[in-house]
């Protein structure tokens, strides 16, 4: 049986567990809004924090890819499939 490929989809809700300070695990819950470059060699995921973060609700947290320990999928949006061939644009003169 072929397993479903999982990808992070903008608008989906996740709980991300990442490395914090020393022995602490940081938990970030909210809506995935996209990816970001932190430096030339490292990227991160951007999570718009939910009400569980109190006064930080609505702020976007960038979590470096290398710091992620686990991700729980809370609510998944459907992936929009792109058409293989885009419609040609017609120009009239």
C-alpha atoms as a PDB file:
ATOM      1  CA  UNK A   1       0.000   0.000   0.000  1.00  0.00           C
ATOM      2  CA  UNK A   2       1.383   3.400  -1.009  1.00  0.00           C
ATOM      3  CA  UNK A   3       1.617   5.853   1.869  1.00  0.00           C
ATOM      4  CA  UNK A   4       0.361   9.404   1.528  1.00  0.00           C
ATOM      5  CA  UNK A   5       3.098  11.997   1.100  1.00  0.00           C
ATOM      6  CA  UNK A   6       2.877  14.582   3.857  1.00  0.00           C
ATOM      7  CA  UNK A   7       3.866  18.197   3.378  1.00  0.00           C
ATOM      8  CA  UNK A   8       3.357  21.365   5.365  1.00  0.00           C
ATOM      9  CA  UNK A   9       0.473  23.297   3.827  1.00  0.00           C
ATOM     10  CA  UNK A  10      -0.155  27.018   4.460  1.00  0.00           C
ATOM     11  CA  UNK A  11      -3.316  27.467   6.526  1.00  0.00           C
ATOM     12  CA  UNK A  12      -2.925  24.127   8.326  1.00  0.00           C
ATOM     13  CA  UNK A  13      -2.645  24.016  12.119  1.00  0.00           C
ATOM     14  CA  UNK A  14       0.332  22.348  13.763  1.00  0.00           C
ATOM     15  CA  UNK A  15       2.066  21.929  17.100  1.00  0.00           C
ATOM     16  CA  UNK A  16       5.832  22.093  16.596  1.00  0.00           C
ATOM     17  CA  UNK A  17       8.257  20.784  19.207  1.00  0.00           C
ATOM     18  CA  UNK A  18      11.725  22.253  18.885  1.00  0.00           C
ATOM     19  CA  UNK A  19      14.962  22.601  20.815  1.00  0.00           C
ATOM     20  CA  UNK A  20      14.810  25.419  23.340  1.00  0.00           C
ATOM     21  CA  UNK A  21      17.484  26.417  25.821  1.00  0.00           C
ATOM     22  CA  UNK A  22      19.588  23.584  27.234  1.00  0.00           C
ATOM     23  CA  UNK A  23      17.196  20.761  28.260  1.00  0.00           C
ATOM     24  CA  UNK A  24      14.014  22.655  27.445  1.00  0.00           C
ATOM     25  CA  UNK A  25      11.689  21.687  24.581  1.00  0.00           C
ATOM     26  CA  UNK A  26       9.815  24.620  23.083  1.00  0.00           C
ATOM     27  CA  UNK A  27       6.226  24.006  21.967  1.00  0.00           C
ATOM     28  CA  UNK A  28       4.754  26.265  19.290  1.00  0.00           C
ATOM     29  CA  UNK A  29       1.137  25.888  18.225  1.00  0.00           C
ATOM     30  CA  UNK A  30      -0.589  27.764  15.467  1.00  0.00           C
ATOM     31  CA  UNK A  31      -1.081  28.100  11.731  1.00  0.00           C
ATOM     32  CA  UNK A  32       1.675  27.410   9.214  1.00  0.00           C
ATOM     33  CA  UNK A  33       2.164  30.452   6.983  1.00  0.00           C
ATOM     34  CA  UNK A  34       5.248  29.484   4.983  1.00  0.00           C
ATOM     35  CA  UNK A  35       9.005  29.119   4.924  1.00  0.00           C
ATOM     36  CA  UNK A  36      11.773  31.625   5.579  1.00  0.00           C
ATOM     37  CA  UNK A  37      15.503  31.834   5.020  1.00  0.00           C
ATOM     38  CA  UNK A  38      17.410  32.497   8.226  1.00  0.00           C
ATOM     39  CA  UNK A  39      20.799  32.593   6.561  1.00  0.00           C
ATOM     40  CA  UNK A  40      22.380  31.506   3.303  1.00  0.00           C
ATOM     41  CA  UNK A  41      22.480  27.892   4.456  1.00  0.00           C
ATOM     42  CA  UNK A  42      19.511  27.536   6.798  1.00  0.00           C
ATOM     43  CA  UNK A  43      15.780  27.825   6.481  1.00  0.00           C
ATOM     44  CA  UNK A  44      12.906  27.797   8.886  1.00  0.00           C
ATOM     45  CA  UNK A  45       9.174  27.310   9.092  1.00  0.00           C
ATOM     46  CA  UNK A  46       6.879  30.214   9.991  1.00  0.00           C
ATOM     47  CA  UNK A  47       4.045  29.597  12.443  1.00  0.00           C
ATOM     48  CA  UNK A  48       1.444  32.247  13.333  1.00  0.00           C
ATOM     49  CA  UNK A  49       1.009  31.600  17.048  1.00  0.00           C
ATOM     50  CA  UNK A  50      -2.457  30.857  18.442  1.00  0.00           C
ATOM     51  CA  UNK A  51      -4.190  31.883  21.691  1.00  0.00           C
ATOM     52  CA  UNK A  52      -2.221  29.328  23.735  1.00  0.00           C
ATOM     53  CA  UNK A  53       0.711  31.775  23.544  1.00  0.00           C
ATOM     54  CA  UNK A  54      -1.166  34.514  25.426  1.00  0.00           C
ATOM     55  CA  UNK A  55       0.054  38.008  24.516  1.00  0.00           C
ATOM     56  CA  UNK A  56       2.159  36.579  21.668  1.00  0.00           C
ATOM     57  CA  UNK A  57      -0.982  35.411  19.832  1.00  0.00           C
ATOM     58  CA  UNK A  58      -0.853  36.470  16.190  1.00  0.00           C
ATOM     59  CA  UNK A  59       2.920  36.906  16.111  1.00  0.00           C
ATOM     60  CA  UNK A  60       4.884  34.792  13.651  1.00  0.00           C
ATOM     61  CA  UNK A  61       7.578  32.520  15.071  1.00  0.00           C
ATOM     62  CA  UNK A  62      10.337  31.315  12.745  1.00  0.00           C
ATOM     63  CA  UNK A  63      11.638  27.909  13.795  1.00  0.00           C
ATOM     64  CA  UNK A  64      14.941  26.794  12.230  1.00  0.00           C
ATOM     65  CA  UNK A  65      14.571  23.476  10.388  1.00  0.00           C
ATOM     66  CA  UNK A  66      17.509  21.953  12.272  1.00  0.00           C
ATOM     67  CA  UNK A  67      15.868  22.670  15.644  1.00  0.00           C
ATOM     68  CA  UNK A  68      12.602  20.826  14.937  1.00  0.00           C
ATOM     69  CA  UNK A  69      12.130  17.642  16.968  1.00  0.00           C
ATOM     70  CA  UNK A  70       8.548  16.726  16.012  1.00  0.00           C
ATOM     71  CA  UNK A  71       5.405  18.157  14.419  1.00  0.00           C
ATOM     72  CA  UNK A  72       1.829  17.206  15.334  1.00  0.00           C
ATOM     73  CA  UNK A  73      -0.757  17.786  12.619  1.00  0.00           C
ATOM     74  CA  UNK A  74      -3.851  19.285  14.246  1.00  0.00           C
ATOM     75  CA  UNK A  75      -5.892  20.395  11.226  1.00  0.00           C
ATOM     76  CA  UNK A  76      -4.711  19.856   7.673  1.00  0.00           C
ATOM     77  CA  UNK A  77      -5.767  21.985   4.707  1.00  0.00           C
ATOM     78  CA  UNK A  78      -6.104  20.295   1.343  1.00  0.00           C
ATOM     79  CA  UNK A  79      -3.160  20.591  -1.008  1.00  0.00           C
ATOM     80  CA  UNK A  80      -4.011  22.393  -4.211  1.00  0.00           C
ATOM     81  CA  UNK A  81      -2.627  20.479  -7.132  1.00  0.00           C
ATOM     82  CA  UNK A  82      -1.174  22.602  -9.898  1.00  0.00           C
ATOM     83  CA  UNK A  83      -2.243  21.805 -13.410  1.00  0.00           C
ATOM     84  CA  UNK A  84       0.506  20.263 -15.500  1.00  0.00           C
ATOM     85  CA  UNK A  85      -0.135  22.653 -18.330  1.00  0.00           C
ATOM     86  CA  UNK A  86      -1.096  26.195 -17.603  1.00  0.00           C
ATOM     87  CA  UNK A  87      -3.457  27.912 -19.966  1.00  0.00           C
ATOM     88  CA  UNK A  88      -1.656  29.874 -22.644  1.00  0.00           C
ATOM     89  CA  UNK A  89      -2.182  33.592 -22.529  1.00  0.00           C
ATOM     90  CA  UNK A  90      -3.641  34.941 -25.753  1.00  0.00           C
ATOM     91  CA  UNK A  91      -2.704  38.326 -27.060  1.00  0.00           C
ATOM     92  CA  UNK A  92      -4.898  40.120 -29.535  1.00  0.00           C
ATOM     93  CA  UNK A  93      -3.758  43.066 -31.616  1.00  0.00           C
END
